[in-house]
Amino acid sequence: MTNTNDQEFLAYLVKSLVDHPEDIRIERKVDEMGVLLTLRVHRDDMGQIVGRQGSTAKSIRALLRIVGMKNNARINLKIEEPEGSLRGIPLADGTV
């Protein structure tokens, strides 16, 4: 599949949500399972991409599924943790 409408759509969508659109990186891989889009954004923009309890990320994935259906492809989105992110690192009080 050489159609990159899904990648262009994701770039357009994410650029409208973040404060650092110049730092957006999208990698596209196609295999027998479908299309995998890997998204990297500036660490300050992660909250805007994920949203409260993951609601924004779920919405982006739902929209990508619709784009995929239109192009007869299964599209998956992987959001990579940016370098320097504090998520998952224990704080001084032991909480994560």
PDB file of N, CA and C in Angstrom:
ATOM      1  N   MET A   1       0.855  -1.191   0.000  1.00  0.00           N
ATOM      2  CA  MET A   1       0.000   0.000   0.000  1.00  0.00           C
ATOM      3  C   MET A   1       0.890   1.240   0.000  1.00  0.00           C
ATOM      4  N   THR A   2       0.781   2.037  -1.017  1.00  0.00           N
ATOM      5  CA  THR A   2       1.599   3.245  -1.102  1.00  0.00           C
ATOM      6  C   THR A   2       0.809   4.499  -0.737  1.00  0.00           C
ATOM      7  N   ASN A   3      -0.444   4.344  -0.400  1.00  0.00           N
ATOM      8  CA  ASN A   3      -1.291   5.470  -0.058  1.00  0.00           C
ATOM      9  C   ASN A   3      -0.900   5.996   1.329  1.00  0.00           C
ATOM     10  N   THR A   4      -0.498   7.245   1.414  1.00  0.00           N
ATOM     11  CA  THR A   4      -0.082   7.816   2.699  1.00  0.00           C
ATOM     12  C   THR A   4      -1.084   8.831   3.232  1.00  0.00           C
ATOM     13  N   ASN A   5      -2.345   8.730   2.792  1.00  0.00           N
ATOM     14  CA  ASN A   5      -3.373   9.638   3.299  1.00  0.00           C
ATOM     15  C   ASN A   5      -3.479   9.558   4.817  1.00  0.00           C
ATOM     16  N   ASP A   6      -3.308   8.357   5.372  1.00  0.00           N
ATOM     17  CA  ASP A   6      -3.416   8.183   6.816  1.00  0.00           C
ATOM     18  C   ASP A   6      -2.335   8.971   7.550  1.00  0.00           C
ATOM     19  N   GLN A   7      -1.124   8.937   7.042  1.00  0.00           N
ATOM     20  CA  GLN A   7      -0.004   9.658   7.655  1.00  0.00           C
ATOM     21  C   GLN A   7      -0.221  11.166   7.547  1.00  0.00           C
ATOM     22  N   GLU A   8      -0.665  11.623   6.393  1.00  0.00           N
ATOM     23  CA  GLU A   8      -0.934  13.054   6.199  1.00  0.00           C
ATOM     24  C   GLU A   8      -2.068  13.525   7.097  1.00  0.00           C
ATOM     25  N   PHE A   9      -3.109  12.699   7.233  1.00  0.00           N
ATOM     26  CA  PHE A   9      -4.240  13.037   8.091  1.00  0.00           C
ATOM     27  C   PHE A   9      -3.796  13.152   9.543  1.00  0.00           C
ATOM     28  N   LEU A  10      -2.994  12.182  10.004  1.00  0.00           N
ATOM     29  CA  LEU A  10      -2.500  12.216  11.383  1.00  0.00           C
ATOM     30  C   LEU A  10      -1.652  13.463  11.623  1.00  0.00           C
ATOM     31  N   ALA A  11      -0.779  13.794  10.678  1.00  0.00           N
ATOM     32  CA  ALA A  11       0.065  14.986  10.817  1.00  0.00           C
ATOM     33  C   ALA A  11      -0.804  16.240  10.926  1.00  0.00           C
ATOM     34  N   TYR A  12      -1.804  16.355  10.071  1.00  0.00           N
ATOM     35  CA  TYR A  12      -2.700  17.515  10.094  1.00  0.00           C
ATOM     36  C   TYR A  12      -3.418  17.613  11.444  1.00  0.00           C
ATOM     37  N   LEU A  13      -3.930  16.485  11.911  1.00  0.00           N
ATOM     38  CA  LEU A  13      -4.685  16.442  13.156  1.00  0.00           C
ATOM     39  C   LEU A  13      -3.805  16.821  14.352  1.00  0.00           C
ATOM     40  N   VAL A  14      -2.636  16.214  14.436  1.00  0.00           N
ATOM     41  CA  VAL A  14      -1.755  16.437  15.576  1.00  0.00           C
ATOM     42  C   VAL A  14      -1.206  17.861  15.568  1.00  0.00           C
ATOM     43  N   LYS A  15      -0.869  18.386  14.388  1.00  0.00           N
ATOM     44  CA  LYS A  15      -0.346  19.758  14.315  1.00  0.00           C
ATOM     45  C   LYS A  15      -1.343  20.769  14.857  1.00  0.00           C
ATOM     46  N   SER A  16      -2.626  20.479  14.714  1.00  0.00           N
ATOM     47  CA  SER A  16      -3.639  21.410  15.204  1.00  0.00           C
ATOM     48  C   SER A  16      -3.830  21.310  16.716  1.00  0.00           C
ATOM     49  N   LEU A  17      -3.263  20.277  17.348  1.00  0.00           N
ATOM     50  CA  LEU A  17      -3.437  20.079  18.787  1.00  0.00           C
ATOM     51  C   LEU A  17      -2.253  20.531  19.629  1.00  0.00           C
ATOM     52  N   VAL A  18      -1.059  20.554  19.049  1.00  0.00           N
ATOM     53  CA  VAL A  18       0.155  20.756  19.844  1.00  0.00           C
ATOM     54  C   VAL A  18       0.691  22.185  19.772  1.00  0.00           C
ATOM     55  N   ASP A  19       1.592  22.492  20.705  1.00  0.00           N
ATOM     56  CA  ASP A  19       2.248  23.803  20.737  1.00  0.00           C
ATOM     57  C   ASP A  19       3.569  23.805  19.968  1.00  0.00           C
ATOM     58  N   HIS A  20       4.105  22.609  19.681  1.00  0.00           N
ATOM     59  CA  HIS A  20       5.391  22.481  18.986  1.00  0.00           C
ATOM     60  C   HIS A  20       5.218  21.620  17.729  1.00  0.00           C
ATOM     61  N   PRO A  21       4.486  22.115  16.720  1.00  0.00           N
ATOM     62  CA  PRO A  21       4.229  21.289  15.533  1.00  0.00           C
ATOM     63  C   PRO A  21       5.489  20.917  14.763  1.00  0.00           C
ATOM     64  N   GLU A  22       6.547  21.707  14.925  1.00  0.00           N
ATOM     65  CA  GLU A  22       7.800  21.414  14.207  1.00  0.00           C
ATOM     66  C   GLU A  22       8.484  20.159  14.753  1.00  0.00           C
ATOM     67  N   ASP A  23       8.103  19.697  15.942  1.00  0.00           N
ATOM     68  CA  ASP A  23       8.727  18.524  16.557  1.00  0.00           C
ATOM     69  C   ASP A  23       7.967  17.223  16.295  1.00  0.00           C
ATOM     70  N   ILE A  24       6.924  17.277  15.506  1.00  0.00           N
ATOM     71  CA  ILE A  24       6.140  16.071  15.207  1.00  0.00           C
ATOM     72  C   ILE A  24       6.919  15.181  14.246  1.00  0.00           C
ATOM     73  N   ARG A  25       6.999  13.887  14.589  1.00  0.00           N
ATOM     74  CA  ARG A  25       7.628  12.888  13.721  1.00  0.00           C
ATOM     75  C   ARG A  25       6.670  11.712  13.596  1.00  0.00           C
ATOM     76  N   ILE A  26       6.378  11.314  12.377  1.00  0.00           N
ATOM     77  CA  ILE A  26       5.495  10.178  12.144  1.00  0.00           C
ATOM     78  C   ILE A  26       6.211   9.189  11.246  1.00  0.00           C
ATOM     79  N   GLU A  27       6.309   7.966  11.736  1.00  0.00           N
ATOM     80  CA  GLU A  27       6.920   6.886  10.970  1.00  0.00           C
ATOM     81  C   GLU A  27       5.803   5.931  10.548  1.00  0.00           C
ATOM     82  N   ARG A  28       5.845   5.482   9.307  1.00  0.00           N
ATOM     83  CA  ARG A  28       4.787   4.615   8.775  1.00  0.00           C
ATOM     84  C   ARG A  28       5.395   3.299   8.321  1.00  0.00           C
ATOM     85  N   LYS A  29       4.863   2.190   8.853  1.00  0.00           N
ATOM     86  CA  LYS A  29       5.312   0.857   8.453  1.00  0.00           C
ATOM     87  C   LYS A  29       4.097   0.043   8.033  1.00  0.00           C
ATOM     88  N   VAL A  30       4.266  -0.718   6.966  1.00  0.00           N
ATOM     89  CA  VAL A  30       3.190  -1.576   6.473  1.00  0.00           C
ATOM     90  C   VAL A  30       3.669  -3.021   6.533  1.00  0.00           C
ATOM     91  N   ASP A  31       2.832  -3.903   7.104  1.00  0.00           N
ATOM     92  CA  ASP A  31       3.132  -5.332   7.111  1.00  0.00           C
ATOM     93  C   ASP A  31       1.828  -6.106   6.948  1.00  0.00           C
ATOM     94  N   GLU A  32       1.875  -7.410   7.190  1.00  0.00           N
ATOM     95  CA  GLU A  32       0.672  -8.227   6.995  1.00  0.00           C
ATOM     96  C   GLU A  32      -0.447  -7.886   7.973  1.00  0.00           C
ATOM     97  N   MET A  33      -0.110  -7.226   9.079  1.00  0.00           N
ATOM     98  CA  MET A  33      -1.122  -6.836  10.063  1.00  0.00           C
ATOM     99  C   MET A  33      -1.803  -5.514   9.696  1.00  0.00           C
ATOM    100  N   GLY A  34      -1.235  -4.767   8.781  1.00  0.00           N
ATOM    101  CA  GLY A  34      -1.805  -3.486   8.386  1.00  0.00           C
ATOM    102  C   GLY A  34      -0.763  -2.390   8.444  1.00  0.00           C
ATOM    103  N   VAL A  35      -1.221  -1.192   8.776  1.00  0.00           N
ATOM    104  CA  VAL A  35      -0.354  -0.015   8.819  1.00  0.00           C
ATOM    105  C   VAL A  35      -0.105   0.349  10.280  1.00  0.00           C
ATOM    106  N   LEU A  36       1.152   0.593  10.609  1.00  0.00           N
ATOM    107  CA  LEU A  36       1.503   1.061  11.948  1.00  0.00           C
ATOM    108  C   LEU A  36       2.078   2.465  11.814  1.00  0.00           C
ATOM    109  N   LEU A  37       1.402   3.417  12.446  1.00  0.00           N
ATOM    110  CA  LEU A  37       1.898   4.792  12.487  1.00  0.00           C
ATOM    111  C   LEU A  37       2.478   5.024  13.875  1.00  0.00           C
ATOM    112  N   THR A  38       3.739   5.416  13.932  1.00  0.00           N
ATOM    113  CA  THR A  38       4.399   5.710  15.201  1.00  0.00           C
ATOM    114  C   THR A  38       4.551   7.218  15.303  1.00  0.00           C
ATOM    115  N   LEU A  39       3.991   7.777  16.352  1.00  0.00           N
ATOM    116  CA  LEU A  39       3.962   9.226  16.540  1.00  0.00           C
ATOM    117  C   LEU A  39       4.919   9.629  17.652  1.00  0.00           C
ATOM    118  N   ARG A  40       5.736  10.629  17.355  1.00  0.00           N
ATOM    119  CA  ARG A  40       6.611  11.234  18.362  1.00  0.00           C
ATOM    120  C   ARG A  40       6.312  12.727  18.383  1.00  0.00           C
ATOM    121  N   VAL A  41       6.131  13.277  19.580  1.00  0.00           N
ATOM    122  CA  VAL A  41       5.886  14.713  19.736  1.00  0.00           C
ATOM    123  C   VAL A  41       6.805  15.258  20.815  1.00  0.00           C
ATOM    124  N   HIS A  42       6.871  16.569  20.904  1.00  0.00           N
ATOM    125  CA  HIS A  42       7.639  17.249  21.959  1.00  0.00           C
ATOM    126  C   HIS A  42       7.072  16.810  23.308  1.00  0.00           C
ATOM    127  N   ARG A  43       7.952  16.645  24.301  1.00  0.00           N
ATOM    128  CA  ARG A  43       7.473  16.135  25.592  1.00  0.00           C
ATOM    129  C   ARG A  43       6.435  17.039  26.243  1.00  0.00           C
ATOM    130  N   ASP A  44       6.476  18.343  25.974  1.00  0.00           N
ATOM    131  CA  ASP A  44       5.483  19.254  26.547  1.00  0.00           C
ATOM    132  C   ASP A  44       4.111  19.074  25.904  1.00  0.00           C
ATOM    133  N   ASP A  45       4.051  18.413  24.750  1.00  0.00           N
ATOM    134  CA  ASP A  45       2.786  18.233  24.032  1.00  0.00           C
ATOM    135  C   ASP A  45       2.111  16.891  24.315  1.00  0.00           C
ATOM    136  N   MET A  46       2.757  16.015  25.071  1.00  0.00           N
ATOM    137  CA  MET A  46       2.190  14.692  25.317  1.00  0.00           C
ATOM    138  C   MET A  46       0.803  14.760  25.952  1.00  0.00           C
ATOM    139  N   GLY A  47       0.620  15.669  26.885  1.00  0.00           N
ATOM    140  CA  GLY A  47      -0.681  15.786  27.551  1.00  0.00           C
ATOM    141  C   GLY A  47      -1.791  16.147  26.581  1.00  0.00           C
ATOM    142  N   GLN A  48      -1.482  16.985  25.600  1.00  0.00           N
ATOM    143  CA  GLN A  48      -2.489  17.379  24.619  1.00  0.00           C
ATOM    144  C   GLN A  48      -2.828  16.222  23.678  1.00  0.00           C
ATOM    145  N   ILE A  49      -1.869  15.350  23.413  1.00  0.00           N
ATOM    146  CA  ILE A  49      -2.106  14.220  22.523  1.00  0.00           C
ATOM    147  C   ILE A  49      -2.844  13.096  23.237  1.00  0.00           C
ATOM    148  N   VAL A  50      -2.468  12.836  24.485  1.00  0.00           N
ATOM    149  CA  VAL A  50      -3.092  11.744  25.224  1.00  0.00           C
ATOM    150  C   VAL A  50      -4.454  12.172  25.764  1.00  0.00           C
ATOM    151  N   GLY A  51      -4.541  13.350  26.335  1.00  0.00           N
ATOM    152  CA  GLY A  51      -5.814  13.837  26.883  1.00  0.00           C
ATOM    153  C   GLY A  51      -6.119  13.218  28.234  1.00  0.00           C
ATOM    154  N   ARG A  52      -7.225  13.658  28.814  1.00  0.00           N
ATOM    155  CA  ARG A  52      -7.634  13.117  30.115  1.00  0.00           C
ATOM    156  C   ARG A  52      -8.033  11.663  29.961  1.00  0.00           C
ATOM    157  N   GLN A  53      -7.405  10.825  30.760  1.00  0.00           N
ATOM    158  CA  GLN A  53      -7.641   9.376  30.756  1.00  0.00           C
ATOM    159  C   GLN A  53      -7.538   8.789  29.347  1.00  0.00           C
ATOM    160  N   GLY A  54      -6.707   9.398  28.523  1.00  0.00           N
ATOM    161  CA  GLY A  54      -6.473   8.864  27.182  1.00  0.00           C
ATOM    162  C   GLY A  54      -7.566   9.170  26.171  1.00  0.00           C
ATOM    163  N   SER A  55      -8.461  10.088  26.499  1.00  0.00           N
ATOM    164  CA  SER A  55      -9.614  10.339  25.624  1.00  0.00           C
ATOM    165  C   SER A  55      -9.222  10.898  24.254  1.00  0.00           C
ATOM    166  N   THR A  56      -8.239  11.793  24.212  1.00  0.00           N
ATOM    167  CA  THR A  56      -7.823  12.357  22.921  1.00  0.00           C
ATOM    168  C   THR A  56      -7.152  11.288  22.065  1.00  0.00           C
ATOM    169  N   ALA A  57      -6.283  10.488  22.674  1.00  0.00           N
ATOM    170  CA  ALA A  57      -5.615   9.412  21.938  1.00  0.00           C
ATOM    171  C   ALA A  57      -6.639   8.414  21.392  1.00  0.00           C
ATOM    172  N   LYS A  58      -7.651   8.077  22.184  1.00  0.00           N
ATOM    173  CA  LYS A  58      -8.700   7.153  21.724  1.00  0.00           C
ATOM    174  C   LYS A  58      -9.444   7.744  20.539  1.00  0.00           C
ATOM    175  N   SER A  59      -9.715   9.038  20.590  1.00  0.00           N
ATOM    176  CA  SER A  59     -10.423   9.706  19.493  1.00  0.00           C
ATOM    177  C   SER A  59      -9.586   9.725  18.218  1.00  0.00           C
ATOM    178  N   ILE A  60      -8.297   9.994  18.365  1.00  0.00           N
ATOM    179  CA  ILE A  60      -7.399   9.991  17.197  1.00  0.00           C
ATOM    180  C   ILE A  60      -7.375   8.595  16.577  1.00  0.00           C
ATOM    181  N   ARG A  61      -7.292   7.566  17.421  1.00  0.00           N
ATOM    182  CA  ARG A  61      -7.276   6.185  16.918  1.00  0.00           C
ATOM    183  C   ARG A  61      -8.579   5.846  16.200  1.00  0.00           C
ATOM    184  N   ALA A  62      -9.707   6.314  16.730  1.00  0.00           N
ATOM    185  CA  ALA A  62     -10.998   6.055  16.091  1.00  0.00           C
ATOM    186  C   ALA A  62     -11.063   6.717  14.713  1.00  0.00           C
ATOM    187  N   LEU A  63     -10.577   7.941  14.614  1.00  0.00           N
ATOM    188  CA  LEU A  63     -10.565   8.633  13.323  1.00  0.00           C
ATOM    189  C   LEU A  63      -9.649   7.919  12.326  1.00  0.00           C
ATOM    190  N   LEU A  64      -8.510   7.426  12.801  1.00  0.00           N
ATOM    191  CA  LEU A  64      -7.596   6.700  11.922  1.00  0.00           C
ATOM    192  C   LEU A  64      -8.219   5.382  11.444  1.00  0.00           C
ATOM    193  N   ARG A  65      -9.018   4.735  12.299  1.00  0.00           N
ATOM    194  CA  ARG A  65      -9.715   3.513  11.869  1.00  0.00           C
ATOM    195  C   ARG A  65     -10.673   3.816  10.724  1.00  0.00           C
ATOM    196  N   ILE A  66     -11.338   4.959  10.796  1.00  0.00           N
ATOM    197  CA  ILE A  66     -12.267   5.356   9.733  1.00  0.00           C
ATOM    198  C   ILE A  66     -11.508   5.615   8.437  1.00  0.00           C
ATOM    199  N   VAL A  67     -10.376   6.315   8.522  1.00  0.00           N
ATOM    200  CA  VAL A  67      -9.536   6.548   7.344  1.00  0.00           C
ATOM    201  C   VAL A  67      -9.080   5.203   6.775  1.00  0.00           C
ATOM    202  N   GLY A  68      -8.717   4.284   7.658  1.00  0.00           N
ATOM    203  CA  GLY A  68      -8.292   2.958   7.224  1.00  0.00           C
ATOM    204  C   GLY A  68      -9.387   2.192   6.516  1.00  0.00           C
ATOM    205  N   MET A  69     -10.597   2.259   7.042  1.00  0.00           N
ATOM    206  CA  MET A  69     -11.725   1.567   6.397  1.00  0.00           C
ATOM    207  C   MET A  69     -11.944   2.098   4.983  1.00  0.00           C
ATOM    208  N   LYS A  70     -11.808   3.390   4.826  1.00  0.00           N
ATOM    209  CA  LYS A  70     -11.982   4.007   3.517  1.00  0.00           C
ATOM    210  C   LYS A  70     -10.944   3.491   2.523  1.00  0.00           C
ATOM    211  N   ASN A  71      -9.742   3.183   3.028  1.00  0.00           N
ATOM    212  CA  ASN A  71      -8.647   2.710   2.184  1.00  0.00           C
ATOM    213  C   ASN A  71      -8.420   1.200   2.286  1.00  0.00           C
ATOM    214  N   ASN A  72      -9.373   0.483   2.871  1.00  0.00           N
ATOM    215  CA  ASN A  72      -9.269  -0.972   3.048  1.00  0.00           C
ATOM    216  C   ASN A  72      -7.989  -1.383   3.753  1.00  0.00           C
ATOM    217  N   ALA A  73      -7.663  -0.704   4.849  1.00  0.00           N
ATOM    218  CA  ALA A  73      -6.456  -1.016   5.604  1.00  0.00           C
ATOM    219  C   ALA A  73      -6.753  -0.916   7.096  1.00  0.00           C
ATOM    220  N   ARG A  74      -6.034  -1.707   7.854  1.00  0.00           N
ATOM    221  CA  ARG A  74      -6.131  -1.629   9.313  1.00  0.00           C
ATOM    222  C   ARG A  74      -4.997  -0.705   9.775  1.00  0.00           C
ATOM    223  N   ILE A  75      -5.351   0.356  10.492  1.00  0.00           N
ATOM    224  CA  ILE A  75      -4.354   1.332  10.928  1.00  0.00           C
ATOM    225  C   ILE A  75      -4.248   1.305  12.448  1.00  0.00           C
ATOM    226  N   ASN A  76      -3.027   1.170  12.925  1.00  0.00           N
ATOM    227  CA  ASN A  76      -2.749   1.215  14.356  1.00  0.00           C
ATOM    228  C   ASN A  76      -1.851   2.411  14.637  1.00  0.00           C
ATOM    229  N   LEU A  77      -2.048   3.011  15.806  1.00  0.00           N
ATOM    230  CA  LEU A  77      -1.261   4.166  16.210  1.00  0.00           C
ATOM    231  C   LEU A  77      -0.485   3.838  17.474  1.00  0.00           C
ATOM    232  N   LYS A  78       0.818   4.071  17.420  1.00  0.00           N
ATOM    233  CA  LYS A  78       1.687   3.925  18.588  1.00  0.00           C
ATOM    234  C   LYS A  78       2.208   5.316  18.926  1.00  0.00           C
ATOM    235  N   ILE A  79       1.987   5.746  20.155  1.00  0.00           N
ATOM    236  CA  ILE A  79       2.478   7.045  20.606  1.00  0.00           C
ATOM    237  C   ILE A  79       3.710   6.777  21.471  1.00  0.00           C
ATOM    238  N   GLU A  80       4.869   7.217  20.998  1.00  0.00           N
ATOM    239  CA  GLU A  80       6.112   6.957  21.719  1.00  0.00           C
ATOM    240  C   GLU A  80       6.341   7.987  22.804  1.00  0.00           C
ATOM    241  N   GLU A  81       6.835   7.495  23.919  1.00  0.00           N
ATOM    242  CA  GLU A  81       7.195   8.352  25.049  1.00  0.00           C
ATOM    243  C   GLU A  81       8.394   9.206  24.650  1.00  0.00           C
ATOM    244  N   PRO A  82       8.306  10.522  24.763  1.00  0.00           N
ATOM    245  CA  PRO A  82       9.437  11.375  24.369  1.00  0.00           C
ATOM    246  C   PRO A  82      10.609  11.256  25.340  1.00  0.00           C
ATOM    247  N   GLU A  83      11.809  11.540  24.822  1.00  0.00           N
ATOM    248  CA  GLU A  83      12.994  11.556  25.682  1.00  0.00           C
ATOM    249  C   GLU A  83      12.837  12.648  26.727  1.00  0.00           C
ATOM    250  N   GLY A  84      13.277  12.358  27.935  1.00  0.00           N
ATOM    251  CA  GLY A  84      13.188  13.345  29.003  1.00  0.00           C
ATOM    252  C   GLY A  84      11.841  13.373  29.692  1.00  0.00           C
ATOM    253  N   SER A  85      10.960  12.447  29.310  1.00  0.00           N
ATOM    254  CA  SER A  85       9.642  12.392  29.926  1.00  0.00           C
ATOM    255  C   SER A  85       9.753  11.881  31.357  1.00  0.00           C
ATOM    256  N   LEU A  86       8.936  12.401  32.223  1.00  0.00           N
ATOM    257  CA  LEU A  86       8.953  11.987  33.622  1.00  0.00           C
ATOM    258  C   LEU A  86       7.912  10.916  33.920  1.00  0.00           C
ATOM    259  N   ARG A  87       7.090  10.563  32.944  1.00  0.00           N
ATOM    260  CA  ARG A  87       6.046   9.571  33.157  1.00  0.00           C
ATOM    261  C   ARG A  87       6.682   8.211  33.441  1.00  0.00           C
ATOM    262  N   GLY A  88       6.205   7.523  34.451  1.00  0.00           N
ATOM    263  CA  GLY A  88       6.709   6.208  34.779  1.00  0.00           C
ATOM    264  C   GLY A  88       7.935   6.228  35.681  1.00  0.00           C
ATOM    265  N   ILE A  89       8.447   7.395  36.006  1.00  0.00           N
ATOM    266  CA  ILE A  89       9.601   7.490  36.883  1.00  0.00           C
ATOM    267  C   ILE A  89       9.104   7.770  38.304  1.00  0.00           C
ATOM    268  N   PRO A  90       9.504   6.961  39.271  1.00  0.00           N
ATOM    269  CA  PRO A  90       9.024   7.179  40.643  1.00  0.00           C
ATOM    270  C   PRO A  90       9.461   8.532  41.191  1.00  0.00           C
ATOM    271  N   LEU A  91       8.555   9.181  41.895  1.00  0.00           N
ATOM    272  CA  LEU A  91       8.860  10.453  42.536  1.00  0.00           C
ATOM    273  C   LEU A  91       9.495  10.183  43.897  1.00  0.00           C
ATOM    274  N   ALA A  92       9.952  11.212  44.566  1.00  0.00           N
ATOM    275  CA  ALA A  92      10.625  11.058  45.854  1.00  0.00           C
ATOM    276  C   ALA A  92       9.731  10.380  46.899  1.00  0.00           C
ATOM    277  N   ASP A  93       8.410  10.592  46.796  1.00  0.00           N
ATOM    278  CA  ASP A  93       7.497   9.984  47.774  1.00  0.00           C
ATOM    279  C   ASP A  93       7.096   8.558  47.395  1.00  0.00           C
ATOM    280  N   GLY A  94       7.679   8.028  46.307  1.00  0.00           N
ATOM    281  CA  GLY A  94       7.404   6.643  45.909  1.00  0.00           C
ATOM    282  C   GLY A  94       6.279   6.495  44.916  1.00  0.00           C
ATOM    283  N   THR A  95       5.529   7.562  44.620  1.00  0.00           N
ATOM    284  CA  THR A  95       4.454   7.479  43.649  1.00  0.00           C
ATOM    285  C   THR A  95       5.028   7.585  42.238  1.00  0.00           C
ATOM    286  N   VAL A  96       4.255   7.118  41.288  1.00  0.00           N
ATOM    287  CA  VAL A  96       4.702   7.173  39.878  1.00  0.00           C
ATOM    288  C   VAL A  96       3.926   8.221  39.145  1.00  0.00           C
TER     289      VAL A  96
END
